[in-house]
Amino acid sequence: MADLVKEFNDYRSKMNEKLLADNNKVIKRIFNVDTNAYMEGALDVKTKELLGLVASAVLRCDDCIKYHLETAYKNGVNREEMMEAMGIATLVGGTIVIPHLRRAYEFWEALEEQSSN
């Protein structure tokens, strides 16, 4: 199951390198704004990642959900916090979010498995 995390990260890294190597100013600036938005500020990084996770689930972006799950996990979010955030996402987004909730839970399990190895 930990391969799920590795496959996602390998693909994301490879494609981000290609996109950024294309030297498109708009794309580079969007990546930069995204990076800076999730830095410590009035809200801590953990809170910002949970906000990103909820927004990603409501918008039904599986890649975004995976990214925010992993970053939240690395910033100390535990399973209960993640599930509470995903509960809010499911409430706000409606039942159409449930398939994304399933995949998010599976990815979270893969993150836990990866860190226990």
N, C-alpha and C. Protein backbone atom coordinates (compact mmCIF):
# COMPACT_ATOMS: atom_id res chain seq x y z
N MET A 1 0.81 -1.20 0.00
CA MET A 1 0.00 0.00 0.00
C MET A 1 0.86 1.27 0.00
N ALA A 2 2.05 1.20 0.59
CA ALA A 2 2.93 2.36 0.63
C ALA A 2 3.37 2.77 -0.77
N ASP A 3 3.28 1.82 -1.73
CA ASP A 3 3.58 2.15 -3.11
C ASP A 3 2.66 3.25 -3.63
N LEU A 4 1.46 3.33 -3.08
CA LEU A 4 0.50 4.36 -3.45
C LEU A 4 1.09 5.75 -3.22
N VAL A 5 1.76 5.94 -2.10
CA VAL A 5 2.39 7.21 -1.77
C VAL A 5 3.57 7.46 -2.70
N LYS A 6 4.41 6.45 -2.88
CA LYS A 6 5.59 6.61 -3.74
C LYS A 6 5.20 6.92 -5.18
N GLU A 7 4.23 6.20 -5.71
CA GLU A 7 3.78 6.45 -7.09
C GLU A 7 3.26 7.87 -7.24
N PHE A 8 2.47 8.32 -6.30
CA PHE A 8 1.94 9.68 -6.36
C PHE A 8 3.07 10.70 -6.33
N ASN A 9 4.00 10.55 -5.40
CA ASN A 9 5.08 11.51 -5.27
C ASN A 9 6.04 11.49 -6.44
N ASP A 10 6.34 10.31 -6.96
CA ASP A 10 7.23 10.21 -8.12
C ASP A 10 6.62 10.92 -9.33
N TYR A 11 5.35 10.64 -9.59
CA TYR A 11 4.68 11.26 -10.74
C TYR A 11 4.59 12.78 -10.55
N ARG A 12 4.19 13.21 -9.37
CA ARG A 12 4.05 14.63 -9.08
C ARG A 12 5.39 15.35 -9.27
N SER A 13 6.45 14.79 -8.73
CA SER A 13 7.78 15.40 -8.86
C SER A 13 8.22 15.49 -10.33
N LYS A 14 8.06 14.38 -11.04
CA LYS A 14 8.46 14.34 -12.45
C LYS A 14 7.72 15.40 -13.26
N MET A 15 6.42 15.46 -13.09
CA MET A 15 5.63 16.40 -13.89
C MET A 15 5.83 17.85 -13.45
N ASN A 16 6.02 18.09 -12.15
CA ASN A 16 6.31 19.45 -11.69
C ASN A 16 7.62 19.95 -12.29
N GLU A 17 8.63 19.08 -12.32
CA GLU A 17 9.91 19.45 -12.94
C GLU A 17 9.71 19.84 -14.40
N LYS A 18 8.95 19.06 -15.13
CA LYS A 18 8.70 19.36 -16.54
C LYS A 18 7.94 20.67 -16.69
N LEU A 19 6.91 20.86 -15.88
CA LEU A 19 6.12 22.10 -15.97
C LEU A 19 6.97 23.32 -15.67
N LEU A 20 7.76 23.25 -14.63
CA LEU A 20 8.57 24.40 -14.24
C LEU A 20 9.73 24.63 -15.22
N ALA A 21 10.24 23.58 -15.84
CA ALA A 21 11.31 23.71 -16.84
C ALA A 21 10.82 24.39 -18.10
N ASP A 22 9.51 24.37 -18.33
CA ASP A 22 8.94 25.01 -19.51
C ASP A 22 9.07 26.53 -19.44
N ASN A 23 9.39 27.04 -18.25
CA ASN A 23 9.69 28.45 -18.03
C ASN A 23 8.51 29.38 -18.32
N ASN A 24 7.32 28.95 -17.94
CA ASN A 24 6.13 29.79 -18.09
C ASN A 24 6.00 30.64 -16.83
N LYS A 25 6.06 31.94 -17.00
CA LYS A 25 6.05 32.86 -15.86
C LYS A 25 4.79 32.73 -15.01
N VAL A 26 3.64 32.59 -15.64
CA VAL A 26 2.38 32.48 -14.91
C VAL A 26 2.36 31.21 -14.05
N ILE A 27 2.75 30.08 -14.65
CA ILE A 27 2.77 28.82 -13.92
C ILE A 27 3.74 28.92 -12.74
N LYS A 28 4.92 29.46 -12.97
CA LYS A 28 5.90 29.59 -11.89
C LYS A 28 5.37 30.47 -10.76
N ARG A 29 4.69 31.53 -11.10
CA ARG A 29 4.15 32.42 -10.07
C ARG A 29 3.04 31.75 -9.28
N ILE A 30 2.20 30.97 -9.96
CA ILE A 30 1.13 30.24 -9.26
C ILE A 30 1.74 29.24 -8.29
N PHE A 31 2.76 28.51 -8.72
CA PHE A 31 3.44 27.56 -7.83
C PHE A 31 4.02 28.30 -6.62
N ASN A 32 4.61 29.46 -6.86
CA ASN A 32 5.21 30.25 -5.79
C ASN A 32 4.16 30.75 -4.80
N VAL A 33 3.04 31.25 -5.30
CA VAL A 33 1.96 31.72 -4.43
C VAL A 33 1.45 30.55 -3.59
N ASP A 34 1.28 29.39 -4.20
CA ASP A 34 0.81 28.22 -3.48
C ASP A 34 1.77 27.85 -2.36
N THR A 35 3.05 27.83 -2.66
CA THR A 35 4.07 27.51 -1.64
C THR A 35 4.01 28.50 -0.49
N ASN A 36 3.96 29.78 -0.81
CA ASN A 36 3.96 30.81 0.22
C ASN A 36 2.67 30.83 1.04
N ALA A 37 1.56 30.51 0.42
CA ALA A 37 0.27 30.54 1.13
C ALA A 37 0.24 29.53 2.27
N TYR A 38 0.94 28.43 2.13
CA TYR A 38 0.91 27.37 3.15
C TYR A 38 2.03 27.48 4.18
N MET A 39 2.78 28.57 4.14
CA MET A 39 3.83 28.79 5.14
C MET A 39 3.21 29.31 6.43
N GLU A 40 3.94 29.16 7.51
CA GLU A 40 3.52 29.66 8.82
C GLU A 40 3.15 31.13 8.73
N GLY A 41 2.06 31.50 9.33
CA GLY A 41 1.61 32.89 9.36
C GLY A 41 0.69 33.07 10.55
N ALA A 42 -0.38 33.82 10.37
CA ALA A 42 -1.35 33.97 11.45
C ALA A 42 -1.94 32.60 11.81
N LEU A 43 -2.06 31.73 10.81
CA LEU A 43 -2.46 30.34 11.03
C LEU A 43 -1.22 29.46 10.94
N ASP A 44 -1.16 28.43 11.76
CA ASP A 44 -0.03 27.52 11.67
C ASP A 44 -0.18 26.61 10.44
N VAL A 45 0.91 25.98 10.07
CA VAL A 45 0.94 25.14 8.86
C VAL A 45 -0.06 24.00 8.96
N LYS A 46 -0.16 23.40 10.13
CA LYS A 46 -1.09 22.27 10.34
C LYS A 46 -2.52 22.70 10.02
N THR A 47 -2.94 23.84 10.52
CA THR A 47 -4.29 24.35 10.26
C THR A 47 -4.48 24.65 8.78
N LYS A 48 -3.49 25.26 8.17
CA LYS A 48 -3.60 25.58 6.74
C LYS A 48 -3.72 24.31 5.90
N GLU A 49 -3.00 23.27 6.27
CA GLU A 49 -3.08 22.01 5.52
C GLU A 49 -4.46 21.37 5.68
N LEU A 50 -5.04 21.47 6.86
CA LEU A 50 -6.39 20.94 7.06
C LEU A 50 -7.40 21.75 6.25
N LEU A 51 -7.21 23.06 6.18
CA LEU A 51 -8.08 23.89 5.34
C LEU A 51 -7.94 23.49 3.87
N GLY A 52 -6.70 23.29 3.43
CA GLY A 52 -6.46 22.85 2.06
C GLY A 52 -7.08 21.50 1.78
N LEU A 53 -7.01 20.62 2.77
CA LEU A 53 -7.60 19.29 2.63
C LEU A 53 -9.11 19.38 2.46
N VAL A 54 -9.76 20.17 3.29
CA VAL A 54 -11.22 20.32 3.20
C VAL A 54 -11.60 20.93 1.85
N ALA A 55 -10.92 21.99 1.45
CA ALA A 55 -11.24 22.62 0.17
C ALA A 55 -11.03 21.65 -0.98
N SER A 56 -9.96 20.88 -0.93
CA SER A 56 -9.66 19.91 -1.99
C SER A 56 -10.72 18.83 -2.08
N ALA A 57 -11.20 18.38 -0.92
CA ALA A 57 -12.24 17.35 -0.91
C ALA A 57 -13.55 17.90 -1.46
N VAL A 58 -13.90 19.11 -1.04
CA VAL A 58 -15.15 19.72 -1.53
C VAL A 58 -15.06 19.94 -3.04
N LEU A 59 -13.87 20.30 -3.52
CA LEU A 59 -13.69 20.51 -4.97
C LEU A 59 -13.45 19.20 -5.71
N ARG A 60 -13.33 18.09 -4.97
CA ARG A 60 -13.19 16.74 -5.50
C ARG A 60 -11.93 16.57 -6.35
N CYS A 61 -10.80 17.05 -5.82
CA CYS A 61 -9.51 16.91 -6.49
C CYS A 61 -8.67 15.86 -5.75
N ASP A 62 -8.64 14.64 -6.26
CA ASP A 62 -7.92 13.57 -5.57
C ASP A 62 -6.43 13.85 -5.42
N ASP A 63 -5.79 14.40 -6.44
CA ASP A 63 -4.37 14.74 -6.32
C ASP A 63 -4.15 15.76 -5.22
N CYS A 64 -5.01 16.76 -5.16
CA CYS A 64 -4.90 17.80 -4.12
C CYS A 64 -5.11 17.18 -2.74
N ILE A 65 -6.08 16.29 -2.63
CA ILE A 65 -6.35 15.62 -1.36
C ILE A 65 -5.12 14.85 -0.91
N LYS A 66 -4.51 14.09 -1.81
CA LYS A 66 -3.32 13.32 -1.47
C LYS A 66 -2.19 14.24 -1.02
N TYR A 67 -1.99 15.31 -1.75
CA TYR A 67 -0.92 16.26 -1.39
C TYR A 67 -1.15 16.80 0.02
N HIS A 68 -2.36 17.27 0.30
CA HIS A 68 -2.64 17.86 1.61
C HIS A 68 -2.65 16.81 2.72
N LEU A 69 -3.08 15.60 2.41
CA LEU A 69 -2.99 14.53 3.41
C LEU A 69 -1.55 14.29 3.82
N GLU A 70 -0.68 14.15 2.84
CA GLU A 70 0.72 13.86 3.15
C GLU A 70 1.38 15.03 3.89
N THR A 71 1.12 16.24 3.44
CA THR A 71 1.73 17.40 4.09
C THR A 71 1.17 17.57 5.50
N ALA A 72 -0.13 17.35 5.67
CA ALA A 72 -0.73 17.42 7.00
C ALA A 72 -0.13 16.35 7.91
N TYR A 73 0.01 15.15 7.38
CA TYR A 73 0.60 14.04 8.15
C TYR A 73 2.01 14.41 8.62
N LYS A 74 2.80 14.96 7.72
CA LYS A 74 4.17 15.36 8.05
C LYS A 74 4.21 16.51 9.05
N ASN A 75 3.13 17.27 9.15
CA ASN A 75 3.06 18.39 10.08
C ASN A 75 2.33 18.04 11.36
N GLY A 76 2.16 16.76 11.62
CA GLY A 76 1.65 16.31 12.91
C GLY A 76 0.16 16.11 13.03
N VAL A 77 -0.57 16.19 11.92
CA VAL A 77 -2.01 15.91 11.99
C VAL A 77 -2.18 14.42 12.27
N ASN A 78 -3.06 14.10 13.19
CA ASN A 78 -3.31 12.69 13.48
C ASN A 78 -4.59 12.23 12.78
N ARG A 79 -4.86 10.95 12.87
CA ARG A 79 -6.01 10.36 12.18
C ARG A 79 -7.33 11.01 12.62
N GLU A 80 -7.48 11.27 13.89
CA GLU A 80 -8.72 11.86 14.39
C GLU A 80 -8.94 13.26 13.83
N GLU A 81 -7.88 14.04 13.77
CA GLU A 81 -7.98 15.40 13.20
C GLU A 81 -8.30 15.34 11.72
N MET A 82 -7.62 14.44 11.01
CA MET A 82 -7.87 14.28 9.58
C MET A 82 -9.32 13.87 9.33
N MET A 83 -9.81 12.91 10.11
CA MET A 83 -11.18 12.44 9.91
C MET A 83 -12.21 13.51 10.28
N GLU A 84 -11.91 14.31 11.28
CA GLU A 84 -12.82 15.40 11.62
C GLU A 84 -12.87 16.42 10.48
N ALA A 85 -11.72 16.73 9.92
CA ALA A 85 -11.68 17.65 8.78
C ALA A 85 -12.41 17.05 7.57
N MET A 86 -12.21 15.76 7.32
CA MET A 86 -12.89 15.12 6.20
C MET A 86 -14.39 15.01 6.46
N GLY A 87 -14.78 14.93 7.71
CA GLY A 87 -16.20 14.95 8.05
C GLY A 87 -16.82 16.29 7.67
N ILE A 88 -16.12 17.37 7.97
CA ILE A 88 -16.59 18.71 7.59
C ILE A 88 -16.65 18.82 6.07
N ALA A 89 -15.63 18.30 5.39
CA ALA A 89 -15.62 18.34 3.93
C ALA A 89 -16.81 17.59 3.34
N THR A 90 -17.12 16.44 3.92
CA THR A 90 -18.24 15.64 3.43
C THR A 90 -19.56 16.34 3.72
N LEU A 91 -19.67 16.96 4.87
CA LEU A 91 -20.87 17.73 5.21
C LEU A 91 -21.06 18.88 4.23
N VAL A 92 -20.01 19.65 4.00
CA VAL A 92 -20.10 20.81 3.12
C VAL A 92 -20.28 20.39 1.66
N GLY A 93 -19.52 19.37 1.23
CA GLY A 93 -19.54 18.95 -0.16
C GLY A 93 -20.69 18.04 -0.52
N GLY A 94 -21.26 17.37 0.47
CA GLY A 94 -22.36 16.46 0.22
C GLY A 94 -21.86 15.04 -0.05
N THR A 95 -22.80 14.17 -0.30
CA THR A 95 -22.48 12.76 -0.45
C THR A 95 -21.60 12.47 -1.67
N ILE A 96 -21.52 13.41 -2.61
CA ILE A 96 -20.64 13.20 -3.76
C ILE A 96 -19.17 13.15 -3.35
N VAL A 97 -18.86 13.63 -2.15
CA VAL A 97 -17.49 13.61 -1.64
C VAL A 97 -17.11 12.24 -1.08
N ILE A 98 -18.09 11.39 -0.80
CA ILE A 98 -17.80 10.10 -0.15
C ILE A 98 -16.77 9.25 -0.92
N PRO A 99 -16.82 9.14 -2.26
CA PRO A 99 -15.76 8.38 -2.93
C PRO A 99 -14.36 8.96 -2.68
N HIS A 100 -14.26 10.27 -2.57
CA HIS A 100 -12.98 10.92 -2.29
C HIS A 100 -12.56 10.67 -0.85
N LEU A 101 -13.54 10.59 0.05
CA LEU A 101 -13.28 10.24 1.44
C LEU A 101 -12.69 8.84 1.52
N ARG A 102 -13.23 7.92 0.76
CA ARG A 102 -12.71 6.54 0.74
C ARG A 102 -11.25 6.52 0.29
N ARG A 103 -10.96 7.21 -0.82
CA ARG A 103 -9.59 7.23 -1.33
C ARG A 103 -8.66 7.98 -0.38
N ALA A 104 -9.16 9.01 0.27
CA ALA A 104 -8.35 9.74 1.25
C ALA A 104 -7.98 8.83 2.41
N TYR A 105 -8.93 8.06 2.89
CA TYR A 105 -8.68 7.15 4.00
C TYR A 105 -7.64 6.10 3.60
N GLU A 106 -7.78 5.58 2.40
CA GLU A 106 -6.81 4.59 1.90
C GLU A 106 -5.42 5.19 1.82
N PHE A 107 -5.31 6.44 1.33
CA PHE A 107 -4.01 7.10 1.21
C PHE A 107 -3.43 7.37 2.60
N TRP A 108 -4.27 7.77 3.55
CA TRP A 108 -3.82 7.99 4.93
C TRP A 108 -3.23 6.69 5.51
N GLU A 109 -3.92 5.58 5.28
CA GLU A 109 -3.40 4.29 5.74
C GLU A 109 -2.04 4.00 5.12
N ALA A 110 -1.87 4.35 3.85
CA ALA A 110 -0.59 4.14 3.18
C ALA A 110 0.50 5.02 3.80
N LEU A 111 0.15 6.25 4.17
CA LEU A 111 1.09 7.13 4.85
C LEU A 111 1.52 6.54 6.19
N GLU A 112 0.56 6.03 6.94
CA GLU A 112 0.87 5.41 8.24
C GLU A 112 1.73 4.18 8.04
N GLU A 113 1.41 3.37 7.05
CA GLU A 113 2.19 2.16 6.78
C GLU A 113 3.62 2.52 6.38
N GLN A 114 3.75 3.54 5.55
CA GLN A 114 5.07 3.97 5.09
C GLN A 114 5.94 4.44 6.25
N SER A 115 5.35 5.16 7.18
CA SER A 115 6.14 5.69 8.29
C SER A 115 6.48 4.62 9.32
N SER A 116 5.72 3.51 9.33
CA SER A 116 6.02 2.44 10.28
C SER A 116 7.09 1.50 9.75
N ASN A 117 7.42 1.62 8.47
CA ASN A 117 8.47 0.75 7.87
C ASN A 117 9.84 1.36 8.02
